[in-house]
N, C-alpha and C. Protein backbone atom coordinates (compact mmCIF):
# COMPACT_ATOMS: atom_id res chain seq x y z
N MET A 1 -16.16 -37.28 25.19
CA MET A 1 -17.46 -37.90 25.29
C MET A 1 -17.61 -38.57 26.65
N HIS A 2 -16.56 -39.21 27.14
CA HIS A 2 -16.66 -39.88 28.44
C HIS A 2 -16.93 -38.88 29.56
N ALA A 3 -16.33 -37.70 29.49
CA ALA A 3 -16.56 -36.67 30.51
C ALA A 3 -18.00 -36.20 30.48
N VAL A 4 -18.56 -36.02 29.30
CA VAL A 4 -19.96 -35.60 29.17
C VAL A 4 -20.88 -36.66 29.74
N ILE A 5 -20.65 -37.90 29.39
CA ILE A 5 -21.49 -39.00 29.88
C ILE A 5 -21.45 -39.05 31.41
N GLY A 6 -20.26 -38.97 31.99
CA GLY A 6 -20.13 -39.01 33.45
C GLY A 6 -20.81 -37.83 34.12
N ALA A 7 -20.63 -36.64 33.57
CA ALA A 7 -21.22 -35.44 34.17
C ALA A 7 -22.74 -35.48 34.11
N VAL A 8 -23.28 -35.88 32.98
CA VAL A 8 -24.73 -35.92 32.82
C VAL A 8 -25.33 -37.01 33.70
N ASP A 9 -24.68 -38.15 33.81
CA ASP A 9 -25.17 -39.22 34.67
C ASP A 9 -25.20 -38.77 36.12
N ALA A 10 -24.22 -37.99 36.54
CA ALA A 10 -24.18 -37.49 37.92
C ALA A 10 -25.33 -36.53 38.21
N LEU A 11 -25.92 -35.95 37.19
CA LEU A 11 -27.05 -35.03 37.35
C LEU A 11 -28.40 -35.74 37.31
N ASP A 12 -28.38 -37.07 37.31
CA ASP A 12 -29.60 -37.89 37.28
C ASP A 12 -30.44 -37.67 36.01
N VAL A 13 -29.77 -37.37 34.92
CA VAL A 13 -30.45 -37.29 33.62
C VAL A 13 -30.64 -38.73 33.15
N PRO A 14 -31.83 -39.09 32.64
CA PRO A 14 -32.08 -40.49 32.30
C PRO A 14 -31.36 -40.99 31.06
N LEU A 15 -31.03 -40.09 30.13
CA LEU A 15 -30.38 -40.56 28.90
C LEU A 15 -29.74 -39.39 28.15
N LEU A 16 -28.85 -39.74 27.26
CA LEU A 16 -28.30 -38.80 26.29
C LEU A 16 -28.82 -39.21 24.93
N ALA A 17 -29.21 -38.24 24.13
CA ALA A 17 -29.69 -38.52 22.77
C ALA A 17 -28.87 -37.69 21.80
N LEU A 18 -28.62 -38.27 20.64
CA LEU A 18 -27.90 -37.53 19.61
C LEU A 18 -28.30 -38.03 18.24
N LEU A 19 -28.02 -37.22 17.27
CA LEU A 19 -28.23 -37.57 15.88
C LEU A 19 -26.85 -37.64 15.26
N GLY A 20 -26.41 -38.85 14.93
CA GLY A 20 -25.04 -38.97 14.46
C GLY A 20 -24.73 -40.29 13.81
N SER A 21 -23.46 -40.47 13.56
CA SER A 21 -22.93 -41.63 12.86
C SER A 21 -23.22 -42.93 13.61
N THR A 22 -23.79 -43.89 12.87
CA THR A 22 -24.06 -45.20 13.46
C THR A 22 -22.79 -46.05 13.53
N GLU A 23 -21.72 -45.55 12.97
CA GLU A 23 -20.43 -46.26 13.06
C GLU A 23 -19.56 -45.71 14.18
N HIS A 24 -19.72 -44.44 14.52
CA HIS A 24 -18.87 -43.81 15.52
C HIS A 24 -19.39 -43.96 16.95
N TYR A 25 -20.65 -43.65 17.18
CA TYR A 25 -21.17 -43.54 18.55
C TYR A 25 -21.40 -44.85 19.29
N PRO A 26 -21.57 -45.99 18.64
CA PRO A 26 -21.69 -47.23 19.41
C PRO A 26 -20.48 -47.51 20.31
N ARG A 27 -19.32 -46.97 19.98
CA ARG A 27 -18.15 -47.17 20.86
C ARG A 27 -18.35 -46.52 22.23
N PHE A 28 -19.32 -45.59 22.32
CA PHE A 28 -19.66 -44.95 23.59
C PHE A 28 -20.96 -45.50 24.15
N VAL A 29 -21.36 -46.68 23.68
CA VAL A 29 -22.54 -47.42 24.12
C VAL A 29 -23.84 -46.71 23.74
N PHE A 30 -23.84 -45.98 22.64
CA PHE A 30 -25.07 -45.45 22.08
C PHE A 30 -25.68 -46.52 21.19
N VAL A 31 -27.01 -46.64 21.25
CA VAL A 31 -27.74 -47.60 20.43
C VAL A 31 -28.89 -46.86 19.75
N THR A 32 -29.50 -47.50 18.76
CA THR A 32 -30.65 -46.86 18.14
C THR A 32 -31.74 -46.66 19.20
N SER A 33 -32.47 -45.58 19.05
CA SER A 33 -33.49 -45.25 20.06
C SER A 33 -34.52 -46.37 20.22
N ALA A 34 -34.86 -47.03 19.13
CA ALA A 34 -35.85 -48.12 19.19
C ALA A 34 -35.39 -49.26 20.09
N GLU A 35 -34.09 -49.49 20.16
CA GLU A 35 -33.57 -50.58 20.99
C GLU A 35 -33.84 -50.39 22.47
N VAL A 36 -34.06 -49.15 22.90
CA VAL A 36 -34.32 -48.89 24.32
C VAL A 36 -35.70 -48.30 24.58
N GLY A 37 -36.59 -48.44 23.57
CA GLY A 37 -37.98 -48.03 23.77
C GLY A 37 -38.22 -46.54 23.71
N ILE A 38 -37.39 -45.81 23.00
CA ILE A 38 -37.56 -44.36 22.85
C ILE A 38 -37.92 -44.09 21.39
N GLN A 39 -38.97 -43.32 21.17
CA GLN A 39 -39.37 -42.95 19.82
C GLN A 39 -38.68 -41.66 19.42
N SER A 40 -38.14 -41.63 18.24
CA SER A 40 -37.49 -40.44 17.70
C SER A 40 -38.51 -39.34 17.45
N PRO A 41 -38.13 -38.07 17.65
CA PRO A 41 -39.06 -36.99 17.33
C PRO A 41 -39.28 -36.84 15.82
N GLU A 42 -38.39 -37.39 15.01
CA GLU A 42 -38.50 -37.33 13.55
C GLU A 42 -38.22 -38.73 12.99
N ALA A 43 -39.23 -39.37 12.45
CA ALA A 43 -39.09 -40.74 11.96
C ALA A 43 -38.01 -40.90 10.90
N GLU A 44 -37.81 -39.88 10.06
CA GLU A 44 -36.82 -39.99 8.99
C GLU A 44 -35.38 -40.04 9.49
N TRP A 45 -35.15 -39.75 10.75
CA TRP A 45 -33.80 -39.86 11.30
C TRP A 45 -33.36 -41.32 11.40
N GLY A 46 -34.31 -42.22 11.47
CA GLY A 46 -34.01 -43.65 11.49
C GLY A 46 -33.00 -44.03 12.57
N ASN A 47 -32.04 -44.87 12.20
CA ASN A 47 -31.05 -45.37 13.15
C ASN A 47 -30.04 -44.32 13.59
N HIS A 48 -30.04 -43.16 12.95
CA HIS A 48 -29.08 -42.12 13.32
C HIS A 48 -29.48 -41.42 14.62
N PHE A 49 -30.74 -41.55 15.03
CA PHE A 49 -31.15 -41.01 16.34
C PHE A 49 -30.80 -42.07 17.36
N GLN A 50 -29.79 -41.77 18.18
CA GLN A 50 -29.22 -42.76 19.09
C GLN A 50 -29.33 -42.32 20.54
N ILE A 51 -29.37 -43.30 21.41
CA ILE A 51 -29.57 -43.08 22.84
C ILE A 51 -28.47 -43.79 23.62
N ARG A 52 -28.03 -43.13 24.68
CA ARG A 52 -27.16 -43.77 25.68
C ARG A 52 -27.93 -43.68 26.99
N THR A 53 -28.39 -44.82 27.50
CA THR A 53 -29.14 -44.80 28.75
C THR A 53 -28.19 -44.56 29.92
N LEU A 54 -28.71 -43.91 30.93
CA LEU A 54 -27.96 -43.61 32.14
C LEU A 54 -28.69 -44.20 33.34
N SER A 55 -28.29 -43.86 34.52
CA SER A 55 -28.80 -44.51 35.74
C SER A 55 -30.31 -44.43 35.91
N THR A 56 -30.93 -43.32 35.52
CA THR A 56 -32.37 -43.14 35.75
C THR A 56 -33.18 -43.30 34.47
N HIS A 57 -32.75 -44.21 33.59
CA HIS A 57 -33.38 -44.44 32.29
C HIS A 57 -34.87 -44.72 32.38
N GLN A 58 -35.61 -44.17 31.40
CA GLN A 58 -37.05 -44.41 31.26
C GLN A 58 -37.34 -44.68 29.80
N THR A 59 -38.54 -45.14 29.49
CA THR A 59 -38.95 -45.31 28.09
C THR A 59 -40.03 -44.30 27.76
N GLY A 60 -40.28 -44.09 26.49
CA GLY A 60 -41.31 -43.15 26.06
C GLY A 60 -40.91 -42.44 24.79
N THR A 61 -41.57 -41.32 24.53
CA THR A 61 -41.29 -40.52 23.34
C THR A 61 -40.31 -39.41 23.72
N PHE A 62 -39.26 -39.28 22.93
CA PHE A 62 -38.27 -38.24 23.20
C PHE A 62 -38.85 -36.88 22.81
N ARG A 63 -38.67 -35.91 23.68
CA ARG A 63 -39.10 -34.54 23.38
C ARG A 63 -37.98 -33.59 23.77
N TYR A 64 -37.73 -32.65 22.89
CA TYR A 64 -36.76 -31.60 23.21
C TYR A 64 -37.34 -30.66 24.24
N ALA A 65 -36.47 -29.98 24.97
CA ALA A 65 -36.91 -28.95 25.90
C ALA A 65 -37.63 -27.85 25.12
N THR A 66 -38.57 -27.16 25.75
CA THR A 66 -39.39 -26.15 25.12
C THR A 66 -38.61 -25.13 24.29
N PRO A 67 -37.50 -24.58 24.79
CA PRO A 67 -36.78 -23.58 23.98
C PRO A 67 -36.33 -24.14 22.61
N PHE A 68 -36.01 -25.42 22.54
CA PHE A 68 -35.58 -26.00 21.27
C PHE A 68 -36.78 -26.21 20.33
N ASN A 69 -37.92 -26.53 20.89
CA ASN A 69 -39.12 -26.73 20.07
C ASN A 69 -39.65 -25.41 19.50
N ASP A 70 -39.42 -24.31 20.21
CA ASP A 70 -39.92 -23.01 19.78
C ASP A 70 -39.04 -22.37 18.70
N ALA A 71 -37.86 -22.96 18.44
CA ALA A 71 -36.94 -22.35 17.48
C ALA A 71 -37.38 -22.54 16.06
């Protein structure tokens, strides 16, 4: 996980998002999306939709890339 975080941050990606355990991912500084001003694409995901902000962090509504939305 640390390698992924470092690599993605080096690419100027504003954040990492995942849907996962609220007990496991906080150790990698992931927080609920609401804590950093990001709205989940699915409200029922609740606190399991988590964000790790990176150097170029922004706020707003999270959207998947087009190929994922078309699936």
